[in-house]
Amino acid sequence: MDNQAAHFFYIVVVSAALLLTVGFYSLLRTRNLIRALIGMEILTKAVTLLIIGAGHAAGRMALAQALAITLIIVEVVVIVVAVSIVVRIHEHTESLDPEDLRSLRG
């Protein structure tokens, strides 16, 4: 790996680490389900960035792009289902606080 590729990979890893930190922080510190979903989105964007960076460093961009597209598709499906669940929770409890879910009994 030449100097320019190593510098690019370093930037990608640092950026992904920052995104992972922000994503985990927003997941752990929020009391709002929508903010938790946004934190989950940030985490998956960091993973996507790492996949693309690793593919570029390894010289396998086609594989990295295929994996990234697959990850994006799965991410969209998961987020759509999660948002629909959050909307139904909000309609039922009129709150987005996860603590209010303790009152639900099945």
C-alpha atoms as a PDB file:
ATOM      1  CA  MET A   1       0.000   0.000   0.000  1.00  0.00           C
ATOM      2  CA  ASP A   2       1.518   3.303  -1.046  1.00  0.00           C
ATOM      3  CA  ASN A   3       1.615   6.443   1.085  1.00  0.00           C
ATOM      4  CA  GLN A   4      -1.474   8.039  -0.466  1.00  0.00           C
ATOM      5  CA  ALA A   5      -3.596   4.896   0.019  1.00  0.00           C
ATOM      6  CA  ALA A   6      -2.405   4.570   3.620  1.00  0.00           C
ATOM      7  CA  HIS A   7      -3.322   8.200   4.284  1.00  0.00           C
ATOM      8  CA  PHE A   8      -6.776   7.657   2.751  1.00  0.00           C
ATOM      9  CA  PHE A   9      -7.341   4.535   4.850  1.00  0.00           C
ATOM     10  CA  TYR A  10      -6.258   6.405   7.996  1.00  0.00           C
ATOM     11  CA  ILE A  11      -8.800   9.159   7.273  1.00  0.00           C
ATOM     12  CA  VAL A  12     -11.540   6.574   6.686  1.00  0.00           C
ATOM     13  CA  VAL A  13     -10.767   4.743   9.937  1.00  0.00           C
ATOM     14  CA  VAL A  14     -10.704   7.952  11.990  1.00  0.00           C
ATOM     15  CA  SER A  15     -13.961   9.149  10.414  1.00  0.00           C
ATOM     16  CA  ALA A  16     -15.630   5.794  11.046  1.00  0.00           C
ATOM     17  CA  ALA A  17     -14.402   5.799  14.652  1.00  0.00           C
ATOM     18  CA  LEU A  18     -15.947   9.239  15.164  1.00  0.00           C
ATOM     19  CA  LEU A  19     -19.220   8.079  13.621  1.00  0.00           C
ATOM     20  CA  LEU A  20     -19.216   4.954  15.800  1.00  0.00           C
ATOM     21  CA  THR A  21     -18.639   7.085  18.890  1.00  0.00           C
ATOM     22  CA  VAL A  22     -21.483   9.444  18.023  1.00  0.00           C
ATOM     23  CA  GLY A  23     -23.790   6.540  17.181  1.00  0.00           C
ATOM     24  CA  PHE A  24     -23.110   4.631  20.384  1.00  0.00           C
ATOM     25  CA  TYR A  25     -23.429   7.803  22.445  1.00  0.00           C
ATOM     26  CA  SER A  26     -26.791   8.633  20.905  1.00  0.00           C
ATOM     27  CA  LEU A  27     -28.030   5.075  21.473  1.00  0.00           C
ATOM     28  CA  LEU A  28     -26.931   4.945  25.090  1.00  0.00           C
ATOM     29  CA  ARG A  29     -27.869   8.439  26.246  1.00  0.00           C
ATOM     30  CA  THR A  30     -31.210   9.120  24.571  1.00  0.00           C
ATOM     31  CA  ARG A  31     -34.662   8.829  26.066  1.00  0.00           C
ATOM     32  CA  ASN A  32     -36.367   9.093  22.671  1.00  0.00           C
ATOM     33  CA  LEU A  33     -36.999   6.208  20.295  1.00  0.00           C
ATOM     34  CA  ILE A  34     -36.576   8.348  17.156  1.00  0.00           C
ATOM     35  CA  ARG A  35     -33.169   9.540  18.352  1.00  0.00           C
ATOM     36  CA  ALA A  36     -32.226   5.917  19.016  1.00  0.00           C
ATOM     37  CA  LEU A  37     -33.095   5.071  15.411  1.00  0.00           C
ATOM     38  CA  ILE A  38     -30.980   7.978  14.211  1.00  0.00           C
ATOM     39  CA  GLY A  39     -28.108   6.652  16.320  1.00  0.00           C
ATOM     40  CA  MET A  40     -28.569   3.246  14.714  1.00  0.00           C
ATOM     41  CA  GLU A  41     -28.418   4.884  11.286  1.00  0.00           C
ATOM     42  CA  ILE A  42     -25.170   6.629  12.203  1.00  0.00           C
ATOM     43  CA  LEU A  43     -23.688   3.304  13.327  1.00  0.00           C
ATOM     44  CA  THR A  44     -24.567   1.584  10.063  1.00  0.00           C
ATOM     45  CA  LYS A  45     -23.128   4.498   8.076  1.00  0.00           C
ATOM     46  CA  ALA A  46     -19.856   4.028   9.959  1.00  0.00           C
ATOM     47  CA  VAL A  47     -19.826   0.331   9.072  1.00  0.00           C
ATOM     48  CA  THR A  48     -20.549   1.171   5.435  1.00  0.00           C
ATOM     49  CA  LEU A  49     -17.670   3.630   5.421  1.00  0.00           C
ATOM     50  CA  LEU A  50     -15.343   0.995   6.874  1.00  0.00           C
ATOM     51  CA  ILE A  51     -16.395  -1.548   4.251  1.00  0.00           C
ATOM     52  CA  ILE A  52     -15.683   0.888   1.424  1.00  0.00           C
ATOM     53  CA  GLY A  53     -12.362   1.920   2.989  1.00  0.00           C
ATOM     54  CA  ALA A  54     -11.253  -1.687   3.467  1.00  0.00           C
ATOM     55  CA  GLY A  55     -12.232  -2.531  -0.104  1.00  0.00           C
ATOM     56  CA  HIS A  56     -10.224   0.411  -1.400  1.00  0.00           C
ATOM     57  CA  ALA A  57      -7.192  -0.549   0.697  1.00  0.00           C
ATOM     58  CA  ALA A  58      -7.376  -4.179  -0.419  1.00  0.00           C
ATOM     59  CA  GLY A  59      -7.966  -3.275  -4.062  1.00  0.00           C
ATOM     60  CA  ARG A  60     -11.328  -5.075  -4.111  1.00  0.00           C
ATOM     61  CA  MET A  61     -13.678  -2.171  -4.738  1.00  0.00           C
ATOM     62  CA  ALA A  62     -16.258  -4.264  -6.604  1.00  0.00           C
ATOM     63  CA  LEU A  63     -16.716  -6.564  -3.622  1.00  0.00           C
ATOM     64  CA  ALA A  64     -16.793  -3.631  -1.200  1.00  0.00           C
ATOM     65  CA  GLN A  65     -19.417  -1.836  -3.267  1.00  0.00           C
ATOM     66  CA  ALA A  66     -21.570  -4.965  -3.450  1.00  0.00           C
ATOM     67  CA  LEU A  67     -21.340  -5.421   0.317  1.00  0.00           C
ATOM     68  CA  ALA A  68     -22.101  -1.748   0.943  1.00  0.00           C
ATOM     69  CA  ILE A  69     -25.168  -1.824  -1.303  1.00  0.00           C
ATOM     70  CA  THR A  70     -26.391  -4.977   0.432  1.00  0.00           C
ATOM     71  CA  LEU A  71     -25.876  -3.348   3.816  1.00  0.00           C
ATOM     72  CA  ILE A  72     -27.782  -0.239   2.716  1.00  0.00           C
ATOM     73  CA  ILE A  73     -30.726  -2.325   1.501  1.00  0.00           C
ATOM     74  CA  VAL A  74     -30.894  -4.314   4.738  1.00  0.00           C
ATOM     75  CA  GLU A  75     -30.535  -1.087   6.726  1.00  0.00           C
ATOM     76  CA  VAL A  76     -33.467   0.534   4.924  1.00  0.00           C
ATOM     77  CA  VAL A  77     -35.701  -2.470   5.564  1.00  0.00           C
ATOM     78  CA  VAL A  78     -34.788  -2.561   9.258  1.00  0.00           C
ATOM     79  CA  ILE A  79     -35.342   1.180   9.680  1.00  0.00           C
ATOM     80  CA  VAL A  80     -38.717   1.087   7.915  1.00  0.00           C
ATOM     81  CA  VAL A  81     -39.922  -1.701  10.200  1.00  0.00           C
ATOM     82  CA  ALA A  82     -38.506   0.056  13.278  1.00  0.00           C
ATOM     83  CA  VAL A  83     -40.129   3.381  12.365  1.00  0.00           C
ATOM     84  CA  SER A  84     -43.479   1.676  11.861  1.00  0.00           C
ATOM     85  CA  ILE A  85     -43.155   0.078  15.313  1.00  0.00           C
ATOM     86  CA  VAL A  86     -42.233   3.437  16.850  1.00  0.00           C
ATOM     87  CA  VAL A  87     -45.231   5.099  15.181  1.00  0.00           C
ATOM     88  CA  ARG A  88     -47.559   2.434  16.584  1.00  0.00           C
ATOM     89  CA  ILE A  89     -45.986   2.837  20.036  1.00  0.00           C
ATOM     90  CA  HIS A  90     -46.530   6.590  19.824  1.00  0.00           C
ATOM     91  CA  GLU A  91     -50.160   6.106  18.817  1.00  0.00           C
ATOM     92  CA  HIS A  92     -50.710   3.752  21.753  1.00  0.00           C
ATOM     93  CA  THR A  93     -48.777   5.515  24.516  1.00  0.00           C
ATOM     94  CA  GLU A  94     -48.598   9.094  23.118  1.00  0.00           C
ATOM     95  CA  SER A  95     -44.939   9.128  24.104  1.00  0.00           C
ATOM     96  CA  LEU A  96     -41.586   8.196  22.581  1.00  0.00           C
ATOM     97  CA  ASP A  97     -39.935   7.439  25.918  1.00  0.00           C
ATOM     98  CA  PRO A  98     -38.811   3.795  26.175  1.00  0.00           C
ATOM     99  CA  GLU A  99     -39.701   3.779  29.878  1.00  0.00           C
ATOM    100  CA  ASP A 100     -43.371   4.122  28.929  1.00  0.00           C
ATOM    101  CA  LEU A 101     -43.195   0.711  27.264  1.00  0.00           C
ATOM    102  CA  ARG A 102     -43.043  -0.955  30.692  1.00  0.00           C
ATOM    103  CA  SER A 103     -46.742  -0.195  31.146  1.00  0.00           C
ATOM    104  CA  LEU A 104     -47.662  -2.311  28.114  1.00  0.00           C
ATOM    105  CA  ARG A 105     -48.809  -5.778  28.993  1.00  0.00           C
ATOM    106  CA  GLY A 106     -49.462  -8.432  26.364  1.00  0.00           C
END
